[in-house]
Amino acid sequence: MVTEVFKMGRKILNISLPEELYAAVDDLAAEENKSKAELAREILREYITKRERWALLRSWGEQTAQGYNLADVDELETIIHQYRDTK
């Protein structure tokens, strides 16, 4: 889980960015009164957390599809969209 990863010791990550992206990060860090490193850590945490949540959602979809004897998740999505279109 993401929270376990961030409790461990620190490691240094050096990255290069295109000038435009660097400028955007620099501006955002200044706007939020954070260091660029702090902003990058926050963004990476959010990204990892979102990926984990999507993985859980996909897993739930697969389990639901199996529970209803559907061919696959795509069939479940079709049913969901058809239902939403009737509302």
C-alpha atoms as a PDB file:
ATOM      1  CA  MET A   1       0.000   0.000   0.000  1.00  0.00           C
ATOM      2  CA  VAL A   2       1.197   3.510  -0.736  1.00  0.00           C
ATOM      3  CA  THR A   3       1.341   4.602   2.917  1.00  0.00           C
ATOM      4  CA  GLU A   4       3.834   1.819   3.706  1.00  0.00           C
ATOM      5  CA  VAL A   5       6.130   2.936   0.889  1.00  0.00           C
ATOM      6  CA  PHE A   6       6.417   6.470   2.249  1.00  0.00           C
ATOM      7  CA  LYS A   7       7.307   5.440   5.810  1.00  0.00           C
ATOM      8  CA  MET A   8      10.626   3.980   4.681  1.00  0.00           C
ATOM      9  CA  GLY A   9      13.942   5.847   4.537  1.00  0.00           C
ATOM     10  CA  ARG A  10      14.548   8.489   1.919  1.00  0.00           C
ATOM     11  CA  LYS A  11      16.271   8.085  -1.413  1.00  0.00           C
ATOM     12  CA  ILE A  12      17.267  10.782  -3.880  1.00  0.00           C
ATOM     13  CA  LEU A  13      15.594  10.916  -7.279  1.00  0.00           C
ATOM     14  CA  ASN A  14      17.153  13.166  -9.893  1.00  0.00           C
ATOM     15  CA  ILE A  15      15.033  13.883 -12.937  1.00  0.00           C
ATOM     16  CA  SER A  16      15.339  16.166 -15.911  1.00  0.00           C
ATOM     17  CA  LEU A  17      12.337  18.104 -17.142  1.00  0.00           C
ATOM     18  CA  PRO A  18      11.607  20.061 -20.278  1.00  0.00           C
ATOM     19  CA  GLU A  19      11.992  23.776 -19.617  1.00  0.00           C
ATOM     20  CA  GLU A  20       8.251  24.425 -19.855  1.00  0.00           C
ATOM     21  CA  LEU A  21       7.416  21.734 -17.311  1.00  0.00           C
ATOM     22  CA  TYR A  22      10.178  22.906 -14.981  1.00  0.00           C
ATOM     23  CA  ALA A  23       8.811  26.459 -15.168  1.00  0.00           C
ATOM     24  CA  ALA A  24       5.300  25.223 -14.413  1.00  0.00           C
ATOM     25  CA  VAL A  25       6.566  23.236 -11.393  1.00  0.00           C
ATOM     26  CA  ASP A  26       8.592  26.221 -10.210  1.00  0.00           C
ATOM     27  CA  ASP A  27       5.579  28.534 -10.502  1.00  0.00           C
ATOM     28  CA  LEU A  28       3.226  26.097  -8.779  1.00  0.00           C
ATOM     29  CA  ALA A  29       5.667  25.483  -5.928  1.00  0.00           C
ATOM     30  CA  ALA A  30       6.004  29.227  -5.388  1.00  0.00           C
ATOM     31  CA  GLU A  31       2.239  29.700  -5.588  1.00  0.00           C
ATOM     32  CA  GLU A  32       1.659  26.992  -2.973  1.00  0.00           C
ATOM     33  CA  ASN A  33       4.631  28.122  -0.861  1.00  0.00           C
ATOM     34  CA  LYS A  34       6.300  24.704  -1.136  1.00  0.00           C
ATOM     35  CA  SER A  35       9.668  23.530  -2.300  1.00  0.00           C
ATOM     36  CA  LYS A  36       9.831  21.842  -5.687  1.00  0.00           C
ATOM     37  CA  ALA A  37      10.837  18.614  -3.921  1.00  0.00           C
ATOM     38  CA  GLU A  38       7.856  18.809  -1.570  1.00  0.00           C
ATOM     39  CA  LEU A  39       5.522  19.485  -4.500  1.00  0.00           C
ATOM     40  CA  ALA A  40       6.982  16.561  -6.476  1.00  0.00           C
ATOM     41  CA  ARG A  41       6.549  14.202  -3.492  1.00  0.00           C
ATOM     42  CA  GLU A  42       2.942  15.304  -3.094  1.00  0.00           C
ATOM     43  CA  ILE A  43       2.203  14.842  -6.798  1.00  0.00           C
ATOM     44  CA  LEU A  44       3.828  11.397  -6.849  1.00  0.00           C
ATOM     45  CA  ARG A  45       1.885  10.296  -3.743  1.00  0.00           C
ATOM     46  CA  GLU A  46      -1.374  11.398  -5.341  1.00  0.00           C
ATOM     47  CA  TYR A  47      -0.525   9.634  -8.604  1.00  0.00           C
ATOM     48  CA  ILE A  48       0.337   6.367  -6.851  1.00  0.00           C
ATOM     49  CA  THR A  49      -2.796   6.556  -4.684  1.00  0.00           C
ATOM     50  CA  LYS A  50      -4.993   7.133  -7.743  1.00  0.00           C
ATOM     51  CA  ARG A  51      -3.415   4.167  -9.545  1.00  0.00           C
ATOM     52  CA  GLU A  52      -4.087   1.971  -6.507  1.00  0.00           C
ATOM     53  CA  ARG A  53      -7.711   3.110  -6.355  1.00  0.00           C
ATOM     54  CA  TRP A  54      -8.189   2.431 -10.087  1.00  0.00           C
ATOM     55  CA  ALA A  55      -6.660  -1.030  -9.607  1.00  0.00           C
ATOM     56  CA  LEU A  56      -9.181  -1.725  -6.836  1.00  0.00           C
ATOM     57  CA  LEU A  57     -12.016  -0.450  -9.012  1.00  0.00           C
ATOM     58  CA  ARG A  58     -10.921  -2.625 -11.945  1.00  0.00           C
ATOM     59  CA  SER A  59     -10.694  -5.625  -9.617  1.00  0.00           C
ATOM     60  CA  TRP A  60     -14.205  -4.904  -8.309  1.00  0.00           C
ATOM     61  CA  GLY A  61     -15.470  -4.665 -11.897  1.00  0.00           C
ATOM     62  CA  GLU A  62     -13.918  -8.007 -12.794  1.00  0.00           C
ATOM     63  CA  GLN A  63     -15.390  -9.663  -9.693  1.00  0.00           C
ATOM     64  CA  THR A  64     -18.794  -8.139 -10.396  1.00  0.00           C
ATOM     65  CA  ALA A  65     -18.685  -9.303 -14.018  1.00  0.00           C
ATOM     66  CA  GLN A  66     -17.835 -12.829 -12.858  1.00  0.00           C
ATOM     67  CA  GLY A  67     -20.582 -12.723 -10.217  1.00  0.00           C
ATOM     68  CA  TYR A  68     -23.177 -11.944 -12.891  1.00  0.00           C
ATOM     69  CA  ASN A  69     -21.692 -14.475 -15.332  1.00  0.00           C
ATOM     70  CA  LEU A  70     -20.797 -11.739 -17.799  1.00  0.00           C
ATOM     71  CA  ALA A  71     -18.226 -12.386 -20.493  1.00  0.00           C
ATOM     72  CA  ASP A  72     -15.910  -9.639 -19.281  1.00  0.00           C
ATOM     73  CA  VAL A  73     -15.699  -6.166 -17.767  1.00  0.00           C
ATOM     74  CA  ASP A  74     -16.581  -4.630 -21.147  1.00  0.00           C
ATOM     75  CA  GLU A  75     -19.982  -6.296 -20.987  1.00  0.00           C
ATOM     76  CA  LEU A  76     -20.482  -4.874 -17.490  1.00  0.00           C
ATOM     77  CA  GLU A  77     -19.546  -1.394 -18.738  1.00  0.00           C
ATOM     78  CA  THR A  78     -22.055  -1.731 -21.585  1.00  0.00           C
ATOM     79  CA  ILE A  79     -24.803  -2.611 -19.102  1.00  0.00           C
ATOM     80  CA  ILE A  80     -23.853   0.328 -16.876  1.00  0.00           C
ATOM     81  CA  HIS A  81     -23.913   2.765 -19.822  1.00  0.00           C
ATOM     82  CA  GLN A  82     -27.240   1.431 -21.041  1.00  0.00           C
ATOM     83  CA  TYR A  83     -28.692   1.856 -17.559  1.00  0.00           C
ATOM     84  CA  ARG A  84     -27.367   5.406 -17.268  1.00  0.00           C
ATOM     85  CA  ASP A  85     -28.823   6.289 -20.682  1.00  0.00           C
ATOM     86  CA  THR A  86     -32.307   5.391 -19.390  1.00  0.00           C
ATOM     87  CA  LYS A  87     -32.036   7.856 -16.511  1.00  0.00           C
END
